[in-house]
Structure formats: structure tokens, C-alpha cells
Amino acid sequence: MTTKEPDDFDNQNRSKEHFVHLFLLYLRTLWENIKTNGEIFLQRIGAYEVLESVAQMSAKHPYLALVVSVLIATFVLPFLIIFGFALLVVILTFTGFILIEGTLITIVSVLLFGCLAAVLLVLLFFGGLTLASYLGFMHVFDLYNGINKTAIKNFLKKENSRT
């Protein structure tokens, strides 16, 4: 068996430290390039102007901004939960907790479909409420029994007289 001399060991540690230093330097340069190119891209497509106009509209119509932000959060939240659990599953996979994965995937599936079902039920409820309100106002203001009904009767009378 050969033993390593202390100088070789120190040189290997230095080369590892040098590699880590270069790797971190490369990642920092890559991140700065991504930020710079992202800002240039956003300026070219006019994203900053759009965001400015959205901010002005939100200041003029705060209730509409609140409704839109709640709507966006309602639709994005289930997917963020799924993404978080997917990230957790990947971490647990690499650390060796394979048995926990199936349980986590089942829990996430139930959460996702539960959230999406809740959103669907709320949309159906408000859709039905809107339809009932519309038909109710049509009946209250006598628009439901007005022009459209007589036009249909006249059309049906003409069809019956032809036969």
C-alpha cells in the first residue's frame, strides 16, 4: 500500500477549492448574464410600460384589482402546492425516503383535485347565480314576456298557416 504524502493531499484540496471557486464564479457570471438579458428583453417588448399601466389602473380601480388578484391567486395556488410537493418528492428521492414518496404523491393529488373542484364549484355557483339573476330581472322588468315572446308567436302563426 502506498500512502499519500501531505503535499499531495494539500494539492488535491487546493484543486477542489479551486474547482468550487471557479464553479461559483461561473454561476455568478451566468446569473448576471441572465439578469442583464432579461432586463433588456423586458425593455424591448415593453413589459415595463404594461406594468406601469396596470399599476395605474389598479390605483384607479382598487376593487377590480383586488378581485383580479384573488382570482389569480385562486388559480395559481393549487399549482404552487403541486410544485412544492414535487420539489419535496425530488429531495426525498435523492435522500432515500422512497416509501414516503407514494404517500406524498397521493396527498398532493387529493389536494390538487380538491382545490380545483372547489374552484369549479365556486365558478358554477356564481354562474348559476348570474343566470338566475339575469332571468329574474328579465321577468321583473317584463322583458322576458315582451318583444321576444310576441315575435316567436308571430313566427309560429306564420308557420302554422302555411301548412
C-alpha atoms as a PDB file:
ATOM      1  CA  MET A   1       0.000   0.000   0.000  1.00  0.00           C
ATOM      2  CA  THR A   2       1.183   3.437  -0.780  1.00  0.00           C
ATOM      3  CA  THR A   3       0.437   6.335   1.431  1.00  0.00           C
ATOM      4  CA  LYS A   4      -0.087   9.828   0.192  1.00  0.00           C
ATOM      5  CA  GLU A   5       2.291  12.431   1.289  1.00  0.00           C
ATOM      6  CA  PRO A   6       0.873  15.546   2.944  1.00  0.00           C
ATOM      7  CA  ASP A   7       1.847  17.697  -0.047  1.00  0.00           C
ATOM      8  CA  ASP A   8      -0.279  15.621  -2.424  1.00  0.00           C
ATOM      9  CA  PHE A   9      -3.228  15.826  -0.069  1.00  0.00           C
ATOM     10  CA  ASP A  10      -2.928  19.598   0.189  1.00  0.00           C
ATOM     11  CA  ASN A  11      -2.664  19.915  -3.604  1.00  0.00           C
ATOM     12  CA  GLN A  12      -5.843  17.858  -4.045  1.00  0.00           C
ATOM     13  CA  ASN A  13      -7.679  20.027  -1.503  1.00  0.00           C
ATOM     14  CA  ARG A  14      -6.462  23.128  -3.277  1.00  0.00           C
ATOM     15  CA  SER A  15      -7.615  21.818  -6.623  1.00  0.00           C
ATOM     16  CA  LYS A  16     -11.048  21.046  -5.116  1.00  0.00           C
ATOM     17  CA  GLU A  17     -11.235  24.504  -3.587  1.00  0.00           C
ATOM     18  CA  HIS A  18     -10.128  25.989  -6.905  1.00  0.00           C
ATOM     19  CA  PHE A  19     -12.830  23.993  -8.722  1.00  0.00           C
ATOM     20  CA  VAL A  20     -15.506  25.141  -6.271  1.00  0.00           C
ATOM     21  CA  HIS A  21     -14.304  28.729  -6.577  1.00  0.00           C
ATOM     22  CA  LEU A  22     -14.404  28.577 -10.389  1.00  0.00           C
ATOM     23  CA  PHE A  23     -17.811  26.879 -10.334  1.00  0.00           C
ATOM     24  CA  LEU A  24     -19.283  29.575  -8.075  1.00  0.00           C
ATOM     25  CA  LEU A  25     -17.691  32.283 -10.201  1.00  0.00           C
ATOM     26  CA  TYR A  26     -19.246  30.718 -13.308  1.00  0.00           C
ATOM     27  CA  LEU A  27     -22.666  30.553 -11.646  1.00  0.00           C
ATOM     28  CA  ARG A  28     -22.443  34.207 -10.579  1.00  0.00           C
ATOM     29  CA  THR A  29     -21.477  35.254 -14.114  1.00  0.00           C
ATOM     30  CA  LEU A  30     -24.303  33.161 -15.542  1.00  0.00           C
ATOM     31  CA  TRP A  31     -26.812  34.740 -13.133  1.00  0.00           C
ATOM     32  CA  GLU A  32     -25.640  38.260 -14.002  1.00  0.00           C
ATOM     33  CA  ASN A  33     -25.987  37.486 -17.729  1.00  0.00           C
ATOM     34  CA  ILE A  34     -29.492  36.122 -17.194  1.00  0.00           C
ATOM     35  CA  LYS A  35     -30.493  39.255 -15.251  1.00  0.00           C
ATOM     36  CA  THR A  36     -28.999  41.616 -17.827  1.00  0.00           C
ATOM     37  CA  ASN A  37     -30.528  39.826 -20.814  1.00  0.00           C
ATOM     38  CA  GLY A  38     -33.855  39.549 -19.010  1.00  0.00           C
ATOM     39  CA  GLU A  39     -33.960  43.289 -18.370  1.00  0.00           C
ATOM     40  CA  ILE A  40     -33.052  44.011 -21.997  1.00  0.00           C
ATOM     41  CA  PHE A  41     -35.775  41.619 -23.194  1.00  0.00           C
ATOM     42  CA  LEU A  42     -38.390  43.187 -20.904  1.00  0.00           C
ATOM     43  CA  GLN A  43     -37.450  46.667 -22.147  1.00  0.00           C
ATOM     44  CA  ARG A  44     -37.646  45.617 -25.800  1.00  0.00           C
ATOM     45  CA  ILE A  45     -41.098  44.077 -25.536  1.00  0.00           C
ATOM     46  CA  GLY A  46     -42.401  46.990 -23.461  1.00  0.00           C
ATOM     47  CA  ALA A  47     -43.191  44.998 -20.328  1.00  0.00           C
ATOM     48  CA  TYR A  48     -42.283  47.870 -18.020  1.00  0.00           C
ATOM     49  CA  GLU A  49     -44.810  50.157 -19.716  1.00  0.00           C
ATOM     50  CA  VAL A  50     -47.509  47.498 -19.448  1.00  0.00           C
ATOM     51  CA  LEU A  51     -46.748  47.008 -15.753  1.00  0.00           C
ATOM     52  CA  GLU A  52     -46.887  50.774 -15.232  1.00  0.00           C
ATOM     53  CA  SER A  53     -50.301  50.989 -16.904  1.00  0.00           C
ATOM     54  CA  VAL A  54     -51.548  48.017 -14.841  1.00  0.00           C
ATOM     55  CA  ALA A  55     -50.354  49.767 -11.676  1.00  0.00           C
ATOM     56  CA  GLN A  56     -52.164  52.973 -12.673  1.00  0.00           C
ATOM     57  CA  MET A  57     -55.338  51.037 -13.466  1.00  0.00           C
ATOM     58  CA  SER A  58     -55.085  49.252 -10.120  1.00  0.00           C
ATOM     59  CA  ALA A  59     -54.784  52.584  -8.347  1.00  0.00           C
ATOM     60  CA  LYS A  60     -57.890  53.900 -10.129  1.00  0.00           C
ATOM     61  CA  HIS A  61     -59.937  50.709  -9.606  1.00  0.00           C
ATOM     62  CA  PRO A  62     -58.834  49.066  -6.345  1.00  0.00           C
ATOM     63  CA  TYR A  63     -61.805  46.698  -6.085  1.00  0.00           C
ATOM     64  CA  LEU A  64     -61.241  45.368  -9.570  1.00  0.00           C
ATOM     65  CA  ALA A  65     -57.539  44.924  -8.763  1.00  0.00           C
ATOM     66  CA  LEU A  66     -58.465  43.029  -5.597  1.00  0.00           C
ATOM     67  CA  VAL A  67     -60.842  40.730  -7.488  1.00  0.00           C
ATOM     68  CA  VAL A  68     -58.275  40.043 -10.204  1.00  0.00           C
ATOM     69  CA  SER A  69     -55.511  39.361  -7.679  1.00  0.00           C
ATOM     70  CA  VAL A  70     -57.751  36.971  -5.709  1.00  0.00           C
ATOM     71  CA  LEU A  71     -58.744  35.251  -8.958  1.00  0.00           C
ATOM     72  CA  ILE A  72     -55.108  34.829  -9.991  1.00  0.00           C
ATOM     73  CA  ALA A  73     -54.162  33.565  -6.532  1.00  0.00           C
ATOM     74  CA  THR A  74     -57.059  31.094  -6.617  1.00  0.00           C
ATOM     75  CA  PHE A  75     -55.911  29.597  -9.880  1.00  0.00           C
ATOM     76  CA  VAL A  76     -52.167  29.668  -9.133  1.00  0.00           C
ATOM     77  CA  LEU A  77     -52.291  28.307  -5.570  1.00  0.00           C
ATOM     78  CA  PRO A  78     -53.012  24.666  -6.467  1.00  0.00           C
ATOM     79  CA  PHE A  79     -50.166  24.610  -8.944  1.00  0.00           C
ATOM     80  CA  LEU A  80     -47.782  26.177  -6.438  1.00  0.00           C
ATOM     81  CA  ILE A  81     -48.756  23.491  -3.925  1.00  0.00           C
ATOM     82  CA  ILE A  82     -48.101  20.803  -6.541  1.00  0.00           C
ATOM     83  CA  PHE A  83     -44.765  22.367  -7.450  1.00  0.00           C
ATOM     84  CA  GLY A  84     -43.753  22.496  -3.788  1.00  0.00           C
ATOM     85  CA  PHE A  85     -44.661  18.878  -3.252  1.00  0.00           C
ATOM     86  CA  ALA A  86     -42.909  17.855  -6.469  1.00  0.00           C
ATOM     87  CA  LEU A  87     -39.780  19.593  -5.243  1.00  0.00           C
ATOM     88  CA  LEU A  88     -40.159  17.835  -1.895  1.00  0.00           C
ATOM     89  CA  VAL A  89     -40.558  14.479  -3.652  1.00  0.00           C
ATOM     90  CA  VAL A  90     -37.380  15.079  -5.650  1.00  0.00           C
ATOM     91  CA  ILE A  91     -35.476  15.967  -2.496  1.00  0.00           C
ATOM     92  CA  LEU A  92     -36.831  12.927  -0.672  1.00  0.00           C
ATOM     93  CA  THR A  93     -35.973  10.722  -3.637  1.00  0.00           C
ATOM     94  CA  PHE A  94     -32.374  11.818  -3.623  1.00  0.00           C
ATOM     95  CA  THR A  95     -32.117  11.414   0.131  1.00  0.00           C
ATOM     96  CA  GLY A  96     -33.564   7.905   0.055  1.00  0.00           C
ATOM     97  CA  PHE A  97     -37.064   8.240   1.510  1.00  0.00           C
ATOM     98  CA  ILE A  98     -38.722   6.243  -1.250  1.00  0.00           C
ATOM     99  CA  LEU A  99     -41.565   4.927   0.877  1.00  0.00           C
ATOM    100  CA  ILE A 100     -42.728   8.414   1.770  1.00  0.00           C
ATOM    101  CA  GLU A 101     -42.993   9.385  -1.912  1.00  0.00           C
ATOM    102  CA  GLY A 102     -46.155   7.419  -2.635  1.00  0.00           C
ATOM    103  CA  THR A 103     -47.886   8.940   0.352  1.00  0.00           C
ATOM    104  CA  LEU A 104     -46.826  12.443  -0.665  1.00  0.00           C
ATOM    105  CA  ILE A 105     -47.955  11.962  -4.259  1.00  0.00           C
ATOM    106  CA  THR A 106     -51.338  10.699  -3.040  1.00  0.00           C
ATOM    107  CA  ILE A 107     -51.750  13.648  -0.668  1.00  0.00           C
ATOM    108  CA  VAL A 108     -50.765  16.094  -3.403  1.00  0.00           C
ATOM    109  CA  SER A 109     -53.213  14.549  -5.863  1.00  0.00           C
ATOM    110  CA  VAL A 110     -56.028  14.851  -3.340  1.00  0.00           C
ATOM    111  CA  LEU A 111     -55.060  18.473  -2.591  1.00  0.00           C
ATOM    112  CA  LEU A 112     -54.851  19.408  -6.270  1.00  0.00           C
ATOM    113  CA  PHE A 113     -58.170  17.880  -7.235  1.00  0.00           C
ATOM    114  CA  GLY A 114     -59.780  19.240  -4.074  1.00  0.00           C
ATOM    115  CA  CYS A 115     -58.630  22.782  -4.844  1.00  0.00           C
ATOM    116  CA  LEU A 116     -59.636  22.528  -8.492  1.00  0.00           C
ATOM    117  CA  ALA A 117     -63.017  21.048  -7.548  1.00  0.00           C
ATOM    118  CA  ALA A 118     -63.581  23.902  -5.084  1.00  0.00           C
ATOM    119  CA  VAL A 119     -62.737  26.453  -7.777  1.00  0.00           C
ATOM    120  CA  LEU A 120     -65.080  24.685 -10.203  1.00  0.00           C
ATOM    121  CA  LEU A 121     -67.908  24.625  -7.659  1.00  0.00           C
ATOM    122  CA  VAL A 122     -67.474  28.333  -6.918  1.00  0.00           C
ATOM    123  CA  LEU A 123     -67.491  29.133 -10.634  1.00  0.00           C
ATOM    124  CA  LEU A 124     -70.609  27.012 -11.173  1.00  0.00           C
ATOM    125  CA  PHE A 125     -72.314  28.651  -8.193  1.00  0.00           C
ATOM    126  CA  PHE A 126     -71.610  32.166  -9.410  1.00  0.00           C
ATOM    127  CA  GLY A 127     -72.532  31.194 -12.973  1.00  0.00           C
ATOM    128  CA  GLY A 128     -75.879  29.842 -11.772  1.00  0.00           C
ATOM    129  CA  LEU A 129     -76.401  32.890  -9.582  1.00  0.00           C
ATOM    130  CA  THR A 130     -75.679  35.176 -12.526  1.00  0.00           C
ATOM    131  CA  LEU A 131     -78.057  33.245 -14.786  1.00  0.00           C
ATOM    132  CA  ALA A 132     -80.828  33.251 -12.158  1.00  0.00           C
ATOM    133  CA  SER A 133     -80.324  36.981 -11.548  1.00  0.00           C
ATOM    134  CA  TYR A 134     -80.441  37.701 -15.260  1.00  0.00           C
ATOM    135  CA  LEU A 135     -83.636  35.731 -15.797  1.00  0.00           C
ATOM    136  CA  GLY A 136     -85.158  37.213 -12.624  1.00  0.00           C
ATOM    137  CA  PHE A 137     -84.504  40.774 -13.747  1.00  0.00           C
ATOM    138  CA  MET A 138     -85.813  39.943 -17.198  1.00  0.00           C
ATOM    139  CA  HIS A 139     -89.049  38.686 -15.627  1.00  0.00           C
ATOM    140  CA  VAL A 140     -89.345  41.548 -13.108  1.00  0.00           C
ATOM    141  CA  PHE A 141     -88.917  44.228 -15.734  1.00  0.00           C
ATOM    142  CA  ASP A 142     -91.216  42.359 -18.123  1.00  0.00           C
ATOM    143  CA  LEU A 143     -88.542  41.951 -20.745  1.00  0.00           C
ATOM    144  CA  TYR A 144     -88.963  38.188 -20.780  1.00  0.00           C
ATOM    145  CA  ASN A 145     -92.615  38.404 -21.792  1.00  0.00           C
ATOM    146  CA  GLY A 146     -92.160  41.336 -24.139  1.00  0.00           C
ATOM    147  CA  ILE A 147     -90.951  41.608 -27.714  1.00  0.00           C
ATOM    148  CA  ASN A 148     -89.222  38.251 -27.974  1.00  0.00           C
ATOM    149  CA  LYS A 149     -92.338  36.281 -26.979  1.00  0.00           C
ATOM    150  CA  THR A 150     -94.610  38.050 -29.465  1.00  0.00           C
ATOM    151  CA  ALA A 151     -92.027  37.646 -32.213  1.00  0.00           C
ATOM    152  CA  ILE A 152     -91.902  33.912 -31.555  1.00  0.00           C
ATOM    153  CA  LYS A 153     -95.738  33.700 -31.532  1.00  0.00           C
ATOM    154  CA  ASN A 154     -95.986  35.573 -34.836  1.00  0.00           C
ATOM    155  CA  PHE A 155     -93.372  33.336 -36.401  1.00  0.00           C
ATOM    156  CA  LEU A 156     -95.184  30.207 -35.212  1.00  0.00           C
ATOM    157  CA  LYS A 157     -98.540  31.517 -36.520  1.00  0.00           C
ATOM    158  CA  LYS A 158     -96.995  32.089 -39.956  1.00  0.00           C
ATOM    159  CA  GLU A 159     -95.554  28.571 -39.960  1.00  0.00           C
ATOM    160  CA  ASN A 160     -98.893  27.050 -38.950  1.00  0.00           C
ATOM    161  CA  SER A 161    -100.831  28.989 -41.607  1.00  0.00           C
ATOM    162  CA  ARG A 162     -98.513  27.692 -44.349  1.00  0.00           C
ATOM    163  CA  THR A 163     -99.236  24.058 -43.535  1.00  0.00           C
END
